[in-house]
């Protein structure tokens, strides 16, 4: 059996294409690698000891701390002289002369010093274990928080990145405009606005970090406290709630920075406008009469073209507008039931039915129904 290459190609092209998942897999792998790197960095950051290699002499010299411990091993104590052992027991471990005098043999001194050094070593190991456990918990909680709040953190980073780009583009445009117009006042205003923006950012970071830490590099904020309990009076003002208050110092400073920023922005805009007018006036000073007349004629033509385009658009709107409704249509719209009106109640429906029945009776008998009720029975017999 022979196969045609074109038919095979057509058959392959007609197969349903499967959706590829390379991009989600790549995103997942990238996220996992980022989390692993962040976890390793947190572990290295919160590690309380240095990372060192293992040596066979650790078992002989005295422990797995890489020689960083201040205690002595059994091998080092056995090589010491008697007076060195006695001096270390006296100065380091607080032994008295009577206690040392009772130890006549060197073996007793070695055993006593070994026991004291072992106690110190155990205390150091326990402290190191507690530190490692504490920092390990901090690193684990930090990694878990990073995993849980990763979408929020990424969104915050994207928003901050967009705001930073918008701010930098705006400042670049302002600086370029100032350099083009050669306006020193505009340059000064842009610089002062940048300083105010930096102070506002410094204040925001200081206020956020002041909830979890203290530092001498925070923004110097005055203490302007407002105590709500003191305004209530009575027992509330004399109670423990009187010591709590709200510091409005950062709010006042931020309001002042925003007020100055708005004023500076207005002043800078006016300075740039004056510089632009001066530049245009200086450029027109070298014009001849013919050039000035041609420029004014072109300006009049542009104004006339704008007016003609405006009138044309208004005429098109009038032509395309729907015709006004006739009197019949207005009456139908007035008599049409309102779809938003609430349905009648049971009493209203009963009264409407009674009025309709009364009107039909009046039309059929030619007599008012209510008047017939008021007339005597003889009159009704005559009518019958």
Protein backbone atom coordinates (compact mmCIF):
# COMPACT_ATOMS: atom_id res chain seq x y z
CA UNK A 1 0.00 0.00 0.00
CA UNK A 2 1.42 3.40 -1.03
CA UNK A 3 1.02 6.57 1.02
CA UNK A 4 0.73 10.03 -0.40
CA UNK A 5 2.72 12.63 1.49
CA UNK A 6 0.18 15.40 0.82
CA UNK A 7 -2.70 13.27 2.16
CA UNK A 8 -0.70 12.44 5.27
CA UNK A 9 0.09 16.11 5.78
CA UNK A 10 -3.61 17.05 5.37
CA UNK A 11 -4.63 14.31 7.80
CA UNK A 12 -2.13 15.53 10.37
CA UNK A 13 -3.29 19.11 9.94
CA UNK A 14 -6.93 18.07 10.50
CA UNK A 15 -6.18 16.50 13.86
CA UNK A 16 -7.52 18.48 16.81
CA UNK A 17 -4.76 20.46 18.42
CA UNK A 18 -4.20 19.76 22.07
CA UNK A 19 -3.89 22.70 24.42
CA UNK A 20 -0.36 23.09 25.62
CA UNK A 21 0.34 23.76 29.26
CA UNK A 22 3.92 24.86 28.91
CA UNK A 23 3.27 28.40 30.12
CA UNK A 24 1.44 27.42 33.36
CA UNK A 25 4.10 24.79 34.03
CA UNK A 26 6.86 27.31 33.48
CA UNK A 27 5.10 29.78 35.75
CA UNK A 28 4.68 27.12 38.42
CA UNK A 29 8.32 26.06 38.15
CA UNK A 30 9.44 29.68 38.32
CA UNK A 31 7.30 30.28 41.40
CA UNK A 32 8.63 27.16 43.12
CA UNK A 33 12.24 28.07 42.35
CA UNK A 34 11.64 31.59 43.66
CA UNK A 35 10.16 30.24 46.89
CA UNK A 36 13.06 27.80 47.35
CA UNK A 37 15.60 30.58 46.82
CA UNK A 38 13.79 32.86 49.26
CA UNK A 39 13.66 30.08 51.87
CA UNK A 40 17.38 29.41 51.53
CA UNK A 41 18.14 33.12 51.80
CA UNK A 42 15.98 33.39 54.93
CA UNK A 43 17.70 30.39 56.51
CA UNK A 44 21.14 31.85 55.75
CA UNK A 45 20.02 35.25 57.02
CA UNK A 46 18.65 33.95 60.32
CA UNK A 47 21.44 31.43 60.92
CA UNK A 48 23.06 32.27 64.31
CA UNK A 49 26.33 30.39 63.70
CA UNK A 50 28.90 30.13 60.94
CA UNK A 51 28.74 27.28 58.45
CA UNK A 52 31.85 25.10 58.76
CA UNK A 53 33.00 21.73 57.53
CA UNK A 54 33.29 18.55 59.62
CA UNK A 55 36.68 17.28 60.69
CA UNK A 56 37.71 14.06 62.40
CA UNK A 57 39.47 16.09 65.10
CA UNK A 58 36.11 17.45 66.33
CA UNK A 59 35.63 14.32 68.41
CA UNK A 60 39.11 14.71 69.96
CA UNK A 61 39.46 18.46 70.31
CA UNK A 62 36.01 18.84 71.72
CA UNK A 63 32.78 19.25 69.87
CA UNK A 64 31.03 20.15 66.68
CA UNK A 65 31.42 23.89 66.99
CA UNK A 66 34.54 24.04 64.81
CA UNK A 67 36.82 25.24 67.63
CA UNK A 68 34.69 28.30 68.33
CA UNK A 69 33.78 27.13 71.89
CA UNK A 70 35.60 28.57 74.93
CA UNK A 71 35.51 25.30 76.88
CA UNK A 72 38.34 22.78 77.11
CA UNK A 73 38.23 19.16 76.10
CA UNK A 74 39.48 16.18 78.11
CA UNK A 75 42.58 15.96 75.97
CA UNK A 76 43.47 19.60 76.57
CA UNK A 77 42.84 19.36 80.32
CA UNK A 78 45.06 16.28 80.71
CA UNK A 79 47.99 18.16 79.12
CA UNK A 80 47.67 21.11 81.51
CA UNK A 81 49.82 21.54 84.59
CA UNK A 82 48.40 21.41 88.10
CA UNK A 83 48.69 25.12 88.81
CA UNK A 84 47.03 25.94 85.47
CA UNK A 85 44.12 23.67 86.39
CA UNK A 86 43.86 25.25 89.82
CA UNK A 87 44.01 28.76 88.34
CA UNK A 88 41.22 27.97 85.86
CA UNK A 89 39.04 26.44 88.58
CA UNK A 90 39.54 29.50 90.75
CA UNK A 91 39.12 32.24 88.15
CA UNK A 92 36.61 30.69 85.78
CA UNK A 93 34.48 28.37 87.90
CA UNK A 94 34.66 30.11 91.32
CA UNK A 95 36.39 27.43 93.39
CA UNK A 96 37.79 28.55 96.75
CA UNK A 97 41.26 27.78 98.09
CA UNK A 98 39.87 25.30 100.64
CA UNK A 99 38.06 23.31 97.95
CA UNK A 100 41.18 23.18 95.79
CA UNK A 101 43.35 22.30 98.80
CA UNK A 102 41.25 19.19 99.44
CA UNK A 103 42.14 17.87 95.97
CA UNK A 104 45.57 16.36 96.51
CA UNK A 105 45.76 14.23 93.37
CA UNK A 106 45.96 15.60 89.85
CA UNK A 107 43.26 13.19 88.72
CA UNK A 108 40.79 14.85 91.08
CA UNK A 109 41.65 18.26 89.67
CA UNK A 110 41.24 16.97 86.12
CA UNK A 111 37.88 15.40 86.97
CA UNK A 112 36.63 18.58 88.67
CA UNK A 113 37.72 20.80 85.79
CA UNK A 114 36.30 18.36 83.24
CA UNK A 115 32.95 18.33 85.05
CA UNK A 116 32.78 22.13 85.19
CA UNK A 117 33.79 22.47 81.54
CA UNK A 118 31.16 19.88 80.61
CA UNK A 119 28.48 21.89 82.43
CA UNK A 120 29.51 25.07 80.64
CA UNK A 121 29.55 23.22 77.31
CA UNK A 122 26.06 21.83 77.94
CA UNK A 123 24.73 25.30 78.79
CA UNK A 124 26.26 26.71 75.59
CA UNK A 125 24.80 23.87 73.52
CA UNK A 126 21.35 24.39 75.02
CA UNK A 127 21.51 28.12 74.31
CA UNK A 128 22.61 27.42 70.73
CA UNK A 129 19.77 24.94 70.26
CA UNK A 130 17.25 27.46 71.56
CA UNK A 131 18.60 30.12 69.20
CA UNK A 132 18.51 27.74 66.25
CA UNK A 133 14.97 26.68 67.11
CA UNK A 134 13.85 30.30 67.41
CA UNK A 135 15.44 31.40 64.17
CA UNK A 136 14.24 28.24 62.43
CA UNK A 137 10.67 29.02 63.45
CA UNK A 138 11.06 32.59 62.25
CA UNK A 139 12.43 31.40 58.90
CA UNK A 140 9.63 28.81 58.54
CA UNK A 141 6.92 31.35 59.37
CA UNK A 142 8.49 33.83 56.98
CA UNK A 143 8.54 31.23 54.19
CA UNK A 144 4.90 30.24 54.87
CA UNK A 145 3.83 33.88 54.90
CA UNK A 146 5.70 34.43 51.66
CA UNK A 147 3.90 31.49 50.05
CA UNK A 148 0.46 32.56 51.30
CA UNK A 149 0.79 36.26 50.49
CA UNK A 150 2.79 35.87 47.27
CA UNK A 151 -0.10 37.03 44.98
CA UNK A 152 -0.67 40.07 47.20
CA UNK A 153 3.04 40.89 47.31
CA UNK A 154 3.38 40.50 43.55
CA UNK A 155 0.36 42.76 43.00
CA UNK A 156 1.79 45.36 45.38
CA UNK A 157 5.12 45.19 43.56
CA UNK A 158 3.43 45.65 40.18
CA UNK A 159 1.41 48.63 41.44
CA UNK A 160 4.52 50.20 42.98
CA UNK A 161 6.47 49.59 39.76
CA UNK A 162 3.76 51.23 37.63
CA UNK A 163 3.54 54.21 40.00
CA UNK A 164 7.32 54.57 39.96
CA UNK A 165 7.40 54.56 36.16
CA UNK A 166 4.59 57.12 35.98
CA UNK A 167 6.36 59.33 38.51
CA UNK A 168 9.74 59.11 36.72
CA UNK A 169 8.15 59.83 33.32
CA UNK A 170 6.37 62.85 34.78
CA UNK A 171 9.55 64.22 36.33
CA UNK A 172 11.47 63.63 33.10
CA UNK A 173 8.84 65.56 31.15
CA UNK A 174 8.90 68.43 33.65
CA UNK A 175 12.70 68.63 33.60
CA UNK A 176 12.78 68.47 29.79
CA UNK A 177 10.21 71.24 29.57
CA UNK A 178 12.20 73.41 31.99
CA UNK A 179 15.42 72.88 30.02
CA UNK A 180 13.66 73.65 26.72
CA UNK A 181 12.22 76.90 28.06
CA UNK A 182 15.39 77.75 30.05
CA UNK A 183 13.30 78.51 33.14
CA UNK A 184 15.33 78.59 36.37
CA UNK A 185 12.20 79.09 38.45
CA UNK A 186 10.66 75.98 36.89
CA UNK A 187 13.80 73.93 37.65
CA UNK A 188 13.77 75.14 41.25
CA UNK A 189 10.08 74.26 41.59
CA UNK A 190 10.61 70.76 40.18
CA UNK A 191 13.51 70.17 42.58
CA UNK A 192 11.51 71.36 45.59
CA UNK A 193 8.57 69.13 44.61
CA UNK A 194 10.95 66.17 44.41
CA UNK A 195 12.22 67.00 47.92
CA UNK A 196 8.65 67.16 49.26
CA UNK A 197 7.81 63.81 47.62
CA UNK A 198 10.90 62.25 49.19
CA UNK A 199 9.93 63.61 52.62
CA UNK A 200 6.42 62.17 52.22
CA UNK A 201 7.84 58.76 51.30
CA UNK A 202 10.23 58.89 54.27
CA UNK A 203 7.32 59.76 56.57
CA UNK A 204 5.16 56.89 55.24
CA UNK A 205 7.95 54.31 55.65
CA UNK A 206 8.72 55.58 59.16
CA UNK A 207 5.07 55.36 60.25
CA UNK A 208 4.69 51.83 58.86
CA UNK A 209 7.91 50.53 60.41
CA UNK A 210 7.28 52.25 63.76
CA UNK A 211 4.65 49.59 64.53
CA UNK A 212 7.28 46.81 64.58
CA UNK A 213 10.63 48.46 65.31
CA UNK A 214 12.45 51.60 66.43
CA UNK A 215 15.34 53.40 64.77
CA UNK A 216 17.14 56.70 64.89
CA UNK A 217 16.71 57.11 61.12
CA UNK A 218 12.93 57.52 61.30
CA UNK A 219 11.25 60.78 60.34
CA UNK A 220 11.23 63.17 63.32
CA UNK A 221 7.51 63.29 64.10
CA UNK A 222 6.20 65.54 66.91
CA UNK A 223 3.89 64.00 69.48
CA UNK A 224 0.44 65.60 69.14
CA UNK A 225 -1.82 63.25 71.06
CA UNK A 226 -5.61 63.33 71.17
CA UNK A 227 -7.11 61.34 74.05
CA UNK A 228 -10.81 60.55 73.45
CA UNK A 229 -11.29 59.35 77.03
CA UNK A 230 -10.23 62.74 78.41
CA UNK A 231 -13.04 64.39 76.43
CA UNK A 232 -15.72 62.12 77.92
CA UNK A 233 -15.09 63.18 81.51
CA UNK A 234 -16.24 61.42 84.61
CA UNK A 235 -14.98 57.97 85.48
CA UNK A 236 -13.80 57.32 81.91
CA UNK A 237 -11.38 60.24 82.06
CA UNK A 238 -10.02 59.04 85.42
CA UNK A 239 -9.76 55.40 84.32
CA UNK A 240 -7.00 53.52 82.51
CA UNK A 241 -8.35 54.52 79.07
CA UNK A 242 -7.22 58.10 79.72
CA UNK A 243 -3.62 57.06 79.03
CA UNK A 244 -4.39 55.98 75.47
CA UNK A 245 -4.47 58.47 72.63
CA UNK A 246 -4.06 59.03 68.92
CA UNK A 247 -0.96 60.79 67.63
CA UNK A 248 -2.04 63.18 64.87
CA UNK A 249 1.47 64.51 64.28
CA UNK A 250 2.06 62.46 61.08
CA UNK A 251 -1.35 63.54 59.73
CA UNK A 252 -0.57 67.22 60.28
CA UNK A 253 2.85 66.88 58.65
CA UNK A 254 1.43 64.99 55.67
CA UNK A 255 -1.28 67.64 55.19
CA UNK A 256 1.36 70.35 55.29
CA UNK A 257 3.53 68.53 52.73
CA UNK A 258 0.57 68.08 50.37
CA UNK A 259 -0.43 71.74 50.74
CA UNK A 260 3.11 72.88 49.92
CA UNK A 261 3.30 70.46 47.01
CA UNK A 262 0.08 71.83 45.48
CA UNK A 263 1.28 75.42 45.92
CA UNK A 264 4.68 74.61 44.42
CA UNK A 265 3.07 72.84 41.47
CA UNK A 266 0.86 75.86 40.77
CA UNK A 267 3.81 78.23 41.07
CA UNK A 268 5.96 76.07 38.76
CA UNK A 269 3.18 75.89 36.17
CA UNK A 270 2.79 79.67 36.16
CA UNK A 271 6.56 80.07 35.81
CA UNK A 272 6.63 77.70 32.83
CA UNK A 273 3.67 79.54 31.27
CA UNK A 274 5.47 82.87 31.59
CA UNK A 275 8.63 81.37 30.11
CA UNK A 276 6.63 79.94 27.20
CA UNK A 277 5.05 83.33 26.49
CA UNK A 278 8.42 85.03 26.63
CA UNK A 279 9.90 82.45 24.24
CA UNK A 280 7.03 82.96 21.78
CA UNK A 281 7.36 86.74 22.07
CA UNK A 282 11.11 86.55 21.45
CA UNK A 283 10.55 84.34 18.42
CA UNK A 284 8.00 86.78 16.99
CA UNK A 285 10.26 89.81 17.51
CA UNK A 286 12.28 88.90 14.43
CA UNK A 287 9.27 88.54 12.16
CA UNK A 288 8.75 90.82 9.21
CA UNK A 289 5.43 92.43 8.32
CA UNK A 290 4.73 89.91 5.58
CA UNK A 291 5.42 86.94 7.90
CA UNK A 292 3.25 88.43 10.62
CA UNK A 293 0.39 89.02 8.16
CA UNK A 294 0.73 85.45 6.82
CA UNK A 295 0.70 84.05 10.36
CA UNK A 296 -2.44 86.01 11.28
CA UNK A 297 -4.14 84.97 8.04
CA UNK A 298 -3.34 81.31 8.77
CA UNK A 299 -4.72 81.75 12.28
CA UNK A 300 -7.96 83.22 10.90
CA UNK A 301 -8.26 80.37 8.43
CA UNK A 302 -7.81 77.78 11.18
CA UNK A 303 -10.45 79.51 13.29
CA UNK A 304 -12.87 79.64 10.35
CA UNK A 305 -12.25 75.95 9.62
CA UNK A 306 -13.02 75.07 13.22
CA UNK A 307 -16.26 77.08 13.15
CA UNK A 308 -17.31 75.46 9.86
CA UNK A 309 -16.59 71.99 11.23
CA UNK A 310 -18.61 72.81 14.36
CA UNK A 311 -21.58 74.04 12.32
CA UNK A 312 -21.42 70.99 10.07
CA UNK A 313 -21.46 68.67 13.07
CA UNK A 314 -24.47 70.51 14.52
CA UNK A 315 -26.38 70.22 11.21
CA UNK A 316 -25.63 66.51 11.00
CA UNK A 317 -26.89 66.05 14.55
CA UNK A 318 -30.12 67.89 13.68
CA UNK A 319 -30.64 65.77 10.56
CA UNK A 320 -29.95 62.50 12.32
CA UNK A 321 -32.06 63.38 15.36
CA UNK A 322 -35.41 61.49 15.63
CA UNK A 323 -38.59 63.47 14.80
CA UNK A 324 -40.61 64.85 17.73
CA UNK A 325 -43.51 62.66 18.86
CA UNK A 326 -46.99 63.52 17.64
CA UNK A 327 -49.98 64.37 19.86
CA UNK A 328 -51.38 60.85 19.54
CA UNK A 329 -48.09 59.31 20.57
CA UNK A 330 -47.86 61.67 23.53
CA UNK A 331 -51.39 60.71 24.60
CA UNK A 332 -50.57 57.00 24.27
CA UNK A 333 -47.43 57.45 26.29
CA UNK A 334 -49.43 59.26 28.99
CA UNK A 335 -52.19 56.63 29.07
CA UNK A 336 -49.81 53.66 28.87
CA UNK A 337 -49.49 51.75 32.11
CA UNK A 338 -46.42 52.43 34.08
CA UNK A 339 -44.39 49.17 34.37
CA UNK A 340 -42.75 50.45 37.55
CA UNK A 341 -46.04 51.25 39.29
CA UNK A 342 -47.01 49.01 42.18
CA UNK A 343 -50.04 46.69 41.65
CA UNK A 344 -53.37 47.87 43.23
CA UNK A 345 -54.35 46.55 46.60
CA UNK A 346 -57.42 44.36 47.27
CA UNK A 347 -59.58 47.31 48.41
CA UNK A 348 -58.64 49.40 45.39
CA UNK A 349 -59.47 46.55 43.02
CA UNK A 350 -62.88 46.05 44.75
CA UNK A 351 -63.71 49.76 44.50
CA UNK A 352 -62.73 49.83 40.81
CA UNK A 353 -64.93 46.80 40.07
CA UNK A 354 -67.88 48.39 41.88
CA UNK A 355 -67.46 51.64 39.94
CA UNK A 356 -67.35 49.72 36.64
CA UNK A 357 -70.51 47.78 37.53
CA UNK A 358 -72.30 50.99 38.50
CA UNK A 359 -71.41 52.66 35.22
CA UNK A 360 -72.70 49.65 33.25
CA UNK A 361 -76.01 49.68 35.20
CA UNK A 362 -76.45 53.41 34.55
CA UNK A 363 -75.90 52.93 30.81
CA UNK A 364 -78.37 50.02 30.59
CA UNK A 365 -81.22 51.62 32.65
CA UNK A 366 -80.64 55.26 31.80
CA UNK A 367 -80.91 56.23 35.48
CA UNK A 368 -78.30 57.09 37.98
CA UNK A 369 -77.84 54.20 40.38
CA UNK A 370 -77.20 56.38 43.44
CA UNK A 371 -80.16 58.67 42.66
CA UNK A 372 -82.46 55.66 42.35
CA UNK A 373 -81.50 54.59 45.81
CA UNK A 374 -82.53 57.99 47.18
CA UNK A 375 -85.97 58.15 45.33
CA UNK A 376 -89.10 56.68 47.01
CA UNK A 377 -90.52 53.30 46.09
CA UNK A 378 -93.53 54.81 44.24
CA UNK A 379 -91.26 56.66 41.82
CA UNK A 380 -89.40 53.45 41.13
CA UNK A 381 -92.69 51.66 40.42
CA UNK A 382 -93.64 54.36 37.93
CA UNK A 383 -90.32 53.98 36.19
CA UNK A 384 -90.86 50.27 35.98
